[in-house]
Protein backbone atom coordinates (compact mmCIF):
# COMPACT_ATOMS: atom_id res chain seq x y z
CA UNK A 1 -93.88 69.41 -27.19
CA UNK A 2 -93.52 69.94 -23.44
CA UNK A 3 -90.82 67.29 -23.22
CA UNK A 4 -88.86 68.98 -26.02
CA UNK A 5 -89.05 72.32 -24.26
CA UNK A 6 -87.83 70.75 -21.01
CA UNK A 7 -84.90 69.15 -22.82
CA UNK A 8 -84.05 72.44 -24.50
CA UNK A 9 -84.13 74.25 -21.15
CA UNK A 10 -81.86 71.62 -19.60
CA UNK A 11 -79.40 71.96 -22.47
CA UNK A 12 -79.38 75.76 -22.16
CA UNK A 13 -78.67 75.46 -18.44
CA UNK A 14 -75.68 73.21 -19.17
CA UNK A 15 -74.42 75.35 -22.05
CA UNK A 16 -72.33 77.80 -19.92
CA UNK A 17 -70.62 74.89 -18.17
CA UNK A 18 -69.85 73.19 -21.50
CA UNK A 19 -68.45 76.44 -22.87
CA UNK A 20 -66.30 76.77 -19.72
CA UNK A 21 -64.84 73.27 -20.21
CA UNK A 22 -64.09 74.08 -23.84
CA UNK A 23 -62.35 77.32 -22.83
CA UNK A 24 -60.25 75.52 -20.21
CA UNK A 25 -59.06 72.96 -22.77
CA UNK A 26 -58.13 75.74 -25.23
CA UNK A 27 -56.31 77.65 -22.47
CA UNK A 28 -54.28 74.60 -21.45
CA UNK A 29 -53.13 74.09 -25.04
CA UNK A 30 -52.26 77.78 -25.34
CA UNK A 31 -50.25 78.03 -22.13
CA UNK A 32 -47.40 75.83 -23.22
CA UNK A 33 -48.24 75.58 -26.92
CA UNK A 34 -48.64 71.81 -27.19
CA UNK A 35 -48.36 70.49 -30.75
CA UNK A 36 -50.00 67.39 -32.19
CA UNK A 37 -46.61 65.64 -32.18
CA UNK A 38 -46.05 66.51 -28.51
CA UNK A 39 -49.46 65.13 -27.58
CA UNK A 40 -48.74 61.93 -29.47
CA UNK A 41 -45.44 61.54 -27.59
CA UNK A 42 -47.16 62.05 -24.23
CA UNK A 43 -49.92 59.57 -25.08
CA UNK A 44 -47.32 57.03 -26.19
CA UNK A 45 -45.42 57.43 -22.92
CA UNK A 46 -48.61 56.80 -20.92
CA UNK A 47 -49.20 53.56 -22.83
CA UNK A 48 -45.64 52.47 -22.03
CA UNK A 49 -46.19 53.35 -18.39
CA UNK A 50 -49.27 51.14 -18.13
CA UNK A 51 -47.35 48.23 -19.66
CA UNK A 52 -44.49 48.65 -17.18
CA UNK A 53 -46.59 48.91 -14.05
CA UNK A 54 -48.77 45.99 -14.94
CA UNK A 55 -45.70 43.88 -15.50
CA UNK A 56 -44.30 43.86 -11.98
CA UNK A 57 -40.81 42.83 -10.88
CA UNK A 58 -41.04 39.26 -12.10
CA UNK A 59 -41.04 40.44 -15.74
CA UNK A 60 -37.78 41.51 -17.34
CA UNK A 61 -38.66 44.48 -19.55
CA UNK A 62 -35.44 45.78 -21.06
CA UNK A 63 -34.84 49.52 -20.85
CA UNK A 64 -33.60 50.74 -24.24
CA UNK A 65 -32.46 54.20 -25.31
CA UNK A 66 -30.92 55.42 -28.53
CA UNK A 67 -27.23 56.27 -28.67
CA UNK A 68 -28.09 59.93 -29.30
CA UNK A 69 -30.44 60.19 -26.32
CA UNK A 70 -29.90 63.18 -24.03
CA UNK A 71 -28.69 62.13 -20.57
CA UNK A 72 -30.77 63.28 -17.60
CA UNK A 73 -30.79 62.79 -13.84
CA UNK A 74 -33.89 63.72 -11.85
CA UNK A 75 -33.60 64.28 -8.09
CA UNK A 76 -36.97 63.54 -6.47
CA UNK A 77 -37.74 64.24 -2.81
CA UNK A 78 -40.07 65.87 -0.33
CA UNK A 79 -39.29 69.42 0.71
CA UNK A 80 -37.04 69.87 3.77
CA UNK A 81 -35.19 66.63 2.95
CA UNK A 82 -31.82 68.08 2.00
CA UNK A 83 -32.67 68.30 -1.70
CA UNK A 84 -31.04 71.75 -2.08
CA UNK A 85 -27.70 70.34 -0.94
CA UNK A 86 -28.18 67.29 -3.14
CA UNK A 87 -28.93 69.49 -6.14
CA UNK A 88 -25.97 71.75 -5.37
CA UNK A 89 -23.66 68.73 -5.44
CA UNK A 90 -24.51 68.38 -9.14
CA UNK A 91 -24.75 72.14 -9.70
CA UNK A 92 -21.04 72.41 -8.87
CA UNK A 93 -19.97 69.96 -11.58
CA UNK A 94 -18.97 71.75 -14.81
CA UNK A 95 -20.49 69.00 -16.99
CA UNK A 96 -23.98 69.48 -15.52
CA UNK A 97 -26.79 71.72 -16.74
CA UNK A 98 -28.68 72.10 -13.46
CA UNK A 99 -32.22 73.38 -12.92
CA UNK A 100 -33.48 74.10 -9.42
CA UNK A 101 -37.13 73.04 -8.95
CA UNK A 102 -38.27 73.57 -12.56
CA UNK A 103 -41.87 72.67 -11.71
CA UNK A 104 -42.08 75.97 -9.85
CA UNK A 105 -42.37 77.45 -13.33
CA UNK A 106 -45.41 75.29 -14.06
CA UNK A 107 -46.89 76.18 -10.68
CA UNK A 108 -46.54 79.92 -11.34
CA UNK A 109 -47.96 79.70 -14.88
CA UNK A 110 -50.89 77.61 -13.66
CA UNK A 111 -51.60 80.09 -10.87
CA UNK A 112 -51.44 83.02 -13.28
CA UNK A 113 -54.20 81.57 -15.45
CA UNK A 114 -56.30 79.63 -12.95
CA UNK A 115 -55.58 81.39 -9.65
CA UNK A 116 -54.51 79.73 -6.42
CA UNK A 117 -56.18 76.33 -6.26
CA UNK A 118 -55.97 73.97 -3.29
CA UNK A 119 -54.75 70.59 -4.48
CA UNK A 120 -53.65 72.01 -7.85
CA UNK A 121 -51.38 69.03 -8.57
CA UNK A 122 -54.50 66.87 -8.90
CA UNK A 123 -55.95 69.02 -11.71
CA UNK A 124 -55.79 67.88 -15.32
CA UNK A 125 -54.69 71.34 -16.45
CA UNK A 126 -51.65 71.31 -14.17
CA UNK A 127 -50.84 67.75 -15.22
CA UNK A 128 -50.87 68.69 -18.91
CA UNK A 129 -48.66 71.72 -18.33
CA UNK A 130 -46.17 69.68 -16.28
CA UNK A 131 -46.08 66.83 -18.82
CA UNK A 132 -45.42 69.25 -21.65
CA UNK A 133 -42.69 71.09 -19.75
CA UNK A 134 -40.93 67.95 -18.50
CA UNK A 135 -40.93 66.39 -21.97
CA UNK A 136 -39.25 69.53 -23.26
CA UNK A 137 -36.70 69.79 -20.44
CA UNK A 138 -35.50 66.23 -20.95
CA UNK A 139 -34.72 67.12 -24.58
CA UNK A 140 -33.26 70.62 -23.87
CA UNK A 141 -36.28 72.28 -25.52
CA UNK A 142 -37.46 75.65 -24.24
CA UNK A 143 -39.96 76.64 -26.92
CA UNK A 144 -42.75 78.19 -24.84
CA UNK A 145 -42.68 81.99 -24.39
CA UNK A 146 -44.36 81.78 -20.97
CA UNK A 147 -41.64 79.41 -19.77
CA UNK A 148 -38.80 81.59 -21.03
CA UNK A 149 -40.34 84.64 -19.37
CA UNK A 150 -40.61 82.84 -16.04
CA UNK A 151 -37.09 81.39 -16.22
CA UNK A 152 -35.68 84.81 -17.03
CA UNK A 153 -37.38 86.30 -13.97
CA UNK A 154 -36.58 83.44 -11.59
CA UNK A 155 -33.00 82.54 -12.48
CA UNK A 156 -31.81 86.08 -13.08
CA UNK A 157 -33.09 87.78 -9.92
CA UNK A 158 -30.63 88.83 -7.24
CA UNK A 159 -32.00 86.39 -4.66
CA UNK A 160 -30.91 83.41 -6.75
CA UNK A 161 -27.43 84.28 -8.06
CA UNK A 162 -26.07 80.73 -8.08
CA UNK A 163 -29.22 78.67 -8.17
CA UNK A 164 -27.98 77.34 -11.52
CA UNK A 165 -24.30 77.78 -12.34
CA UNK A 166 -24.96 76.75 -15.95
CA UNK A 167 -27.56 79.48 -16.53
CA UNK A 168 -25.34 82.04 -14.76
CA UNK A 169 -22.22 81.22 -16.82
CA UNK A 170 -20.97 81.69 -20.40
CA UNK A 171 -22.34 81.51 -23.02
CA UNK A 172 -25.58 82.64 -21.33
CA UNK A 173 -23.74 85.29 -19.28
CA UNK A 174 -20.49 87.17 -20.04
CA UNK A 175 -18.81 86.14 -16.77
CA UNK A 176 -18.74 83.14 -14.45
CA UNK A 177 -20.40 83.57 -11.01
CA UNK A 178 -16.94 83.32 -9.40
CA UNK A 179 -15.75 86.37 -11.36
CA UNK A 180 -15.89 89.68 -9.42
CA UNK A 181 -17.37 91.28 -12.57
CA UNK A 182 -20.33 88.88 -12.58
CA UNK A 183 -23.73 90.57 -12.41
CA UNK A 184 -27.05 89.02 -13.54
CA UNK A 185 -28.01 92.35 -15.10
CA UNK A 186 -25.20 91.89 -17.62
CA UNK A 187 -26.66 88.60 -18.87
CA UNK A 188 -28.59 89.01 -22.16
CA UNK A 189 -32.21 87.77 -22.26
CA UNK A 190 -32.43 84.04 -22.84
CA UNK A 191 -34.04 82.71 -26.01
CA UNK A 192 -35.21 79.21 -26.84
CA UNK A 193 -32.18 78.88 -29.14
CA UNK A 194 -29.58 80.15 -26.66
CA UNK A 195 -30.93 78.20 -23.67
CA UNK A 196 -31.70 75.02 -25.59
CA UNK A 197 -28.41 75.12 -27.48
CA UNK A 198 -26.39 75.65 -24.29
CA UNK A 199 -28.16 72.79 -22.53
CA UNK A 200 -27.75 70.46 -25.50
CA UNK A 201 -24.26 71.33 -26.77
CA UNK A 202 -22.28 72.57 -23.74
CA UNK A 203 -23.24 70.03 -21.06
CA UNK A 204 -23.17 66.23 -20.90
CA UNK A 205 -25.90 65.81 -18.27
CA UNK A 206 -29.08 67.67 -17.35
CA UNK A 207 -30.02 67.47 -13.66
CA UNK A 208 -33.47 68.50 -12.41
CA UNK A 209 -34.35 68.83 -8.72
CA UNK A 210 -38.09 68.22 -8.27
CA UNK A 211 -40.19 68.10 -5.10
CA UNK A 212 -42.89 65.44 -4.82
CA UNK A 213 -45.39 68.11 -3.73
CA UNK A 214 -45.15 69.70 -7.22
CA UNK A 215 -45.31 66.50 -9.27
CA UNK A 216 -48.78 65.92 -10.77
CA UNK A 217 -50.73 63.69 -8.40
CA UNK A 218 -47.56 63.52 -6.26
CA UNK A 219 -46.44 60.29 -7.89
CA UNK A 220 -43.13 59.21 -9.40
CA UNK A 221 -45.15 57.64 -12.23
CA UNK A 222 -45.24 61.09 -13.84
CA UNK A 223 -41.42 61.14 -13.96
CA UNK A 224 -41.28 57.58 -15.29
CA UNK A 225 -43.78 58.52 -18.01
CA UNK A 226 -41.64 61.47 -19.11
CA UNK A 227 -38.55 59.23 -19.20
CA UNK A 228 -40.12 56.36 -21.13
CA UNK A 229 -39.27 57.46 -24.68
CA UNK A 230 -36.23 55.94 -26.41
CA UNK A 231 -34.80 59.38 -27.24
CA UNK A 232 -34.40 60.20 -23.51
CA UNK A 233 -31.82 58.63 -21.19
CA UNK A 234 -33.02 59.04 -17.60
CA UNK A 235 -31.86 58.13 -14.14
CA UNK A 236 -33.76 58.97 -10.96
CA UNK A 237 -32.29 59.80 -7.58
CA UNK A 238 -34.94 59.32 -4.88
CA UNK A 239 -33.81 61.27 -1.81
CA UNK A 240 -35.18 60.30 1.60
CA UNK A 241 -34.79 61.82 5.04
CA UNK A 242 -36.00 60.74 8.46
CA UNK A 243 -39.64 61.95 8.68
CA UNK A 244 -38.99 62.99 12.29
CA UNK A 245 -36.70 65.66 10.81
CA UNK A 246 -38.72 66.47 7.67
CA UNK A 247 -42.16 66.99 9.22
CA UNK A 248 -41.24 69.37 12.08
CA UNK A 249 -39.04 71.35 9.67
CA UNK A 250 -41.98 71.57 7.26
CA UNK A 251 -44.10 72.98 10.07
CA UNK A 252 -41.49 75.61 10.91
CA UNK A 253 -41.56 76.74 7.26
CA UNK A 254 -45.35 77.07 7.29
CA UNK A 255 -46.25 73.98 5.25
CA UNK A 256 -48.89 73.27 7.90
CA UNK A 257 -49.81 74.54 11.36
CA UNK A 258 -51.03 73.31 14.74
CA UNK A 259 -51.79 76.74 16.14
CA UNK A 260 -54.59 76.51 18.69
CA UNK A 261 -55.06 72.78 18.02
CA UNK A 262 -54.57 70.75 21.20
CA UNK A 263 -55.21 67.49 19.32
CA UNK A 264 -52.50 68.41 16.78
CA UNK A 265 -54.68 67.43 13.85
CA UNK A 266 -52.42 69.36 11.49
CA UNK A 267 -49.40 67.30 12.52
CA UNK A 268 -51.37 64.06 12.32
CA UNK A 269 -52.77 64.79 8.85
CA UNK A 270 -49.48 66.04 7.46
CA UNK A 271 -47.58 63.04 8.85
CA UNK A 272 -50.13 60.63 7.42
CA UNK A 273 -50.20 62.11 3.92
CA UNK A 274 -46.47 62.75 3.55
CA UNK A 275 -45.55 59.25 4.64
CA UNK A 276 -48.35 57.71 2.58
CA UNK A 277 -47.03 59.49 -0.52
CA UNK A 278 -43.53 58.25 0.27
CA UNK A 279 -44.75 54.70 0.86
CA UNK A 280 -46.78 54.71 -2.38
CA UNK A 281 -43.78 55.91 -4.39
CA UNK A 282 -41.48 53.38 -2.77
CA UNK A 283 -44.00 50.68 -3.63
CA UNK A 284 -43.96 51.78 -7.28
CA UNK A 285 -40.17 51.55 -7.29
CA UNK A 286 -40.24 48.13 -5.62
CA UNK A 287 -42.58 46.73 -8.29
CA UNK A 288 -40.54 47.97 -11.24
CA UNK A 289 -38.74 45.40 -13.38
CA UNK A 290 -35.07 45.08 -12.57
CA UNK A 291 -33.92 46.86 -15.74
CA UNK A 292 -35.81 50.00 -14.68
CA UNK A 293 -35.04 49.69 -10.99
CA UNK A 294 -31.32 49.70 -11.80
CA UNK A 295 -31.76 53.25 -13.11
CA UNK A 296 -33.01 54.47 -9.73
CA UNK A 297 -30.91 55.16 -6.65
CA UNK A 298 -32.33 55.50 -3.16
CA UNK A 299 -30.28 57.99 -1.16
CA UNK A 300 -30.82 58.71 2.53
CA UNK A 301 -29.84 62.20 3.61
CA UNK A 302 -28.36 60.75 6.80
CA UNK A 303 -25.82 58.68 4.83
CA UNK A 304 -24.75 61.85 3.01
CA UNK A 305 -24.49 63.75 6.30
CA UNK A 306 -22.51 60.98 8.01
CA UNK A 307 -19.86 60.69 5.27
CA UNK A 308 -20.29 63.39 2.59
CA UNK A 309 -17.26 62.43 0.48
CA UNK A 310 -18.19 58.75 0.37
CA UNK A 311 -21.73 59.67 -0.66
CA UNK A 312 -20.38 62.07 -3.29
CA UNK A 313 -18.35 59.28 -4.87
CA UNK A 314 -21.41 57.03 -5.09
CA UNK A 315 -23.63 59.78 -6.47
CA UNK A 316 -21.21 60.79 -9.22
CA UNK A 317 -20.59 57.16 -10.11
CA UNK A 318 -24.34 56.61 -10.48
CA UNK A 319 -24.69 59.74 -12.62
CA UNK A 320 -21.69 58.82 -14.79
CA UNK A 321 -19.70 61.92 -13.79
CA UNK A 322 -15.95 62.02 -13.14
CA UNK A 323 -14.87 62.99 -9.64
CA UNK A 324 -13.28 66.44 -9.38
CA UNK A 325 -11.05 67.55 -6.51
CA UNK A 326 -12.51 71.05 -6.41
CA UNK A 327 -16.00 69.60 -5.86
CA UNK A 328 -14.69 67.39 -3.06
CA UNK A 329 -13.11 70.45 -1.45
CA UNK A 330 -16.31 72.48 -1.79
CA UNK A 331 -18.50 69.74 -0.30
CA UNK A 332 -16.11 69.10 2.57
CA UNK A 333 -16.14 72.81 3.43
CA UNK A 334 -19.86 73.51 2.97
CA UNK A 335 -20.92 70.55 5.14
CA UNK A 336 -18.70 71.77 8.01
CA UNK A 337 -20.01 75.34 8.15
CA UNK A 338 -23.21 76.74 9.67
CA UNK A 339 -26.10 78.89 8.51
CA UNK A 340 -24.37 82.06 9.70
CA UNK A 341 -21.83 81.57 6.89
CA UNK A 342 -24.52 82.12 4.21
CA UNK A 343 -23.85 85.29 2.23
CA UNK A 344 -25.42 87.29 -0.59
CA UNK A 345 -23.98 85.08 -3.31
CA UNK A 346 -25.51 82.00 -1.65
CA UNK A 347 -28.98 83.44 -2.16
CA UNK A 348 -31.97 82.99 0.12
CA UNK A 349 -31.94 80.70 3.14
CA UNK A 350 -33.83 78.13 1.06
CA UNK A 351 -31.06 78.00 -1.55
CA UNK A 352 -28.02 78.35 0.73
CA UNK A 353 -26.56 74.90 1.42
CA UNK A 354 -23.95 75.83 4.04
CA UNK A 355 -24.60 73.89 7.23
CA UNK A 356 -22.91 71.29 9.41
CA UNK A 357 -24.49 68.24 7.78
CA UNK A 358 -24.26 65.90 10.79
CA UNK A 359 -25.70 68.48 13.17
CA UNK A 360 -28.44 69.24 10.64
CA UNK A 361 -29.29 65.54 10.41
CA UNK A 362 -29.68 65.25 14.19
CA UNK A 363 -31.04 68.68 15.09
CA UNK A 364 -34.59 67.37 15.44
CA UNK A 365 -33.51 65.17 18.35
CA UNK A 366 -33.21 68.14 20.69
CA UNK A 367 -35.71 70.51 19.07
CA UNK A 368 -38.84 68.39 18.58
CA UNK A 369 -41.21 67.64 21.46
CA UNK A 370 -41.29 63.91 22.37
CA UNK A 371 -45.09 63.84 21.96
CA UNK A 372 -44.72 65.08 18.38
CA UNK A 373 -42.14 62.38 17.72
CA UNK A 374 -44.59 59.78 19.03
CA UNK A 375 -47.25 61.00 16.56
CA UNK A 376 -44.84 60.97 13.61
CA UNK A 377 -43.54 57.50 14.44
CA UNK A 378 -47.13 56.25 14.61
CA UNK A 379 -48.11 57.49 11.14
CA UNK A 380 -44.74 56.86 9.47
CA UNK A 381 -43.89 53.49 10.97
CA UNK A 382 -43.95 51.52 7.70
CA UNK A 383 -41.79 54.02 5.79
CA UNK A 384 -39.30 54.25 8.66
CA UNK A 385 -39.02 50.48 8.79
CA UNK A 386 -38.48 50.18 5.02
CA UNK A 387 -35.77 52.86 5.07
CA UNK A 388 -33.97 51.63 8.18
CA UNK A 389 -34.80 54.40 10.67
CA UNK A 390 -34.71 53.30 14.31
CA UNK A 391 -37.72 54.06 16.48
CA UNK A 392 -37.36 56.05 19.68
CA UNK A 393 -40.59 54.54 21.06
CA UNK A 394 -40.62 56.95 24.03
CA UNK A 395 -37.04 56.07 24.94
CA UNK A 396 -35.74 59.47 25.99
CA UNK A 397 -32.39 57.89 26.85
CA UNK A 398 -31.93 56.76 23.24
CA UNK A 399 -33.02 60.17 21.99
CA UNK A 400 -30.44 61.87 24.20
CA UNK A 401 -27.56 59.63 23.04
CA UNK A 402 -26.70 61.94 20.17
CA UNK A 403 -23.60 60.01 19.17
CA UNK A 404 -25.80 56.95 18.46
CA UNK A 405 -27.21 57.08 14.89
CA UNK A 406 -30.95 56.43 14.61
CA UNK A 407 -30.59 54.64 11.28
CA UNK A 408 -29.14 51.27 10.30
CA UNK A 409 -26.88 50.22 7.42
CA UNK A 410 -29.10 47.32 6.32
CA UNK A 411 -32.74 47.96 5.56
CA UNK A 412 -35.52 46.52 3.43
CA UNK A 413 -35.53 49.03 0.55
CA UNK A 414 -31.78 48.66 0.09
CA UNK A 415 -32.27 45.00 -0.78
CA UNK A 416 -34.43 45.90 -3.79
CA UNK A 417 -31.32 47.05 -5.60
CA UNK A 418 -29.11 44.07 -4.84
CA UNK A 419 -27.97 42.06 -7.89
CA UNK A 420 -30.35 39.22 -8.70
């Protein structure tokens, strides 16, 4: 009898926790309205993912998509890597339905229901929300009311007038952003039918710009999972930038701090984790079978900055887009200006892409303390070697030779994509 009472008491103590877990699972399903069919699709994609990653590069798994599959390109990068400029290159093409950092929507919805959580990308709830949203985006589906509400607020506010030319143009708005009459307040509220139909019927390619820090578990596997179904045609553009530029810029934007820390533990930890994430993702790409690896392009920001028009040609060729002279003219002009040229129509500093690209690529060389560079080179050595970035190794003379590029044309990761 005593034992039964003890067991009953233990069960009653656990009951609130069990009820909490049940409530969380119900909430996750409610937030984005996952259906049984959606869940089956997601589970199927995870099974495919396991088969691919166990296979390794020596197996030739053929990548097959249906003829009616929607074409998508996903730009993946760390923040402060030039991803806004990269996204804007596609945003300016009239055949592209472009979405700027769509996982911000998932982040905001998750925060609304669960509050601010450190390491939220590791949570199962966030992962389910992101999976559901990505699977919809790749098929031009915008069925969730919470998503539509967030998109309406984000893409139609004055601070982001041109963050997506497709969403700011007819038929979703009465005027094009280049028209003097254009005003986001004139655009009617978006519906799942109007947004989904425009994405599906008016544009040949959907382009998503996604930061690694917002991908569940910070791994490209999540993107590969979403792209694994035969009714989705995906390519991935993995954008890299010299970590000696990325990490100090991240600090200046408040991603981490060293304030009052003589040992610079913040810099050390941030350098270690950012470069580890990059190395892990590069390793996943390296181990993919050739048929999948051919659908991924590694793009260094420095190559874009050094010769923007040459890079543009390669990027559009990879995406299957025709080259347009007006886009060439725009890119040539925007990469020769400076931040002072940003105006109201360019949006916030984070979304304005006007800057002298070559100066931007080298700015860290005269702004970052040599001791900080030494720390970054220590923790990012393997990634820098794979991507062809030259080490300063305390050579202040090399650092000062600003006309000498600190990256090489031939590097290890580039060889992964050579014809076999």
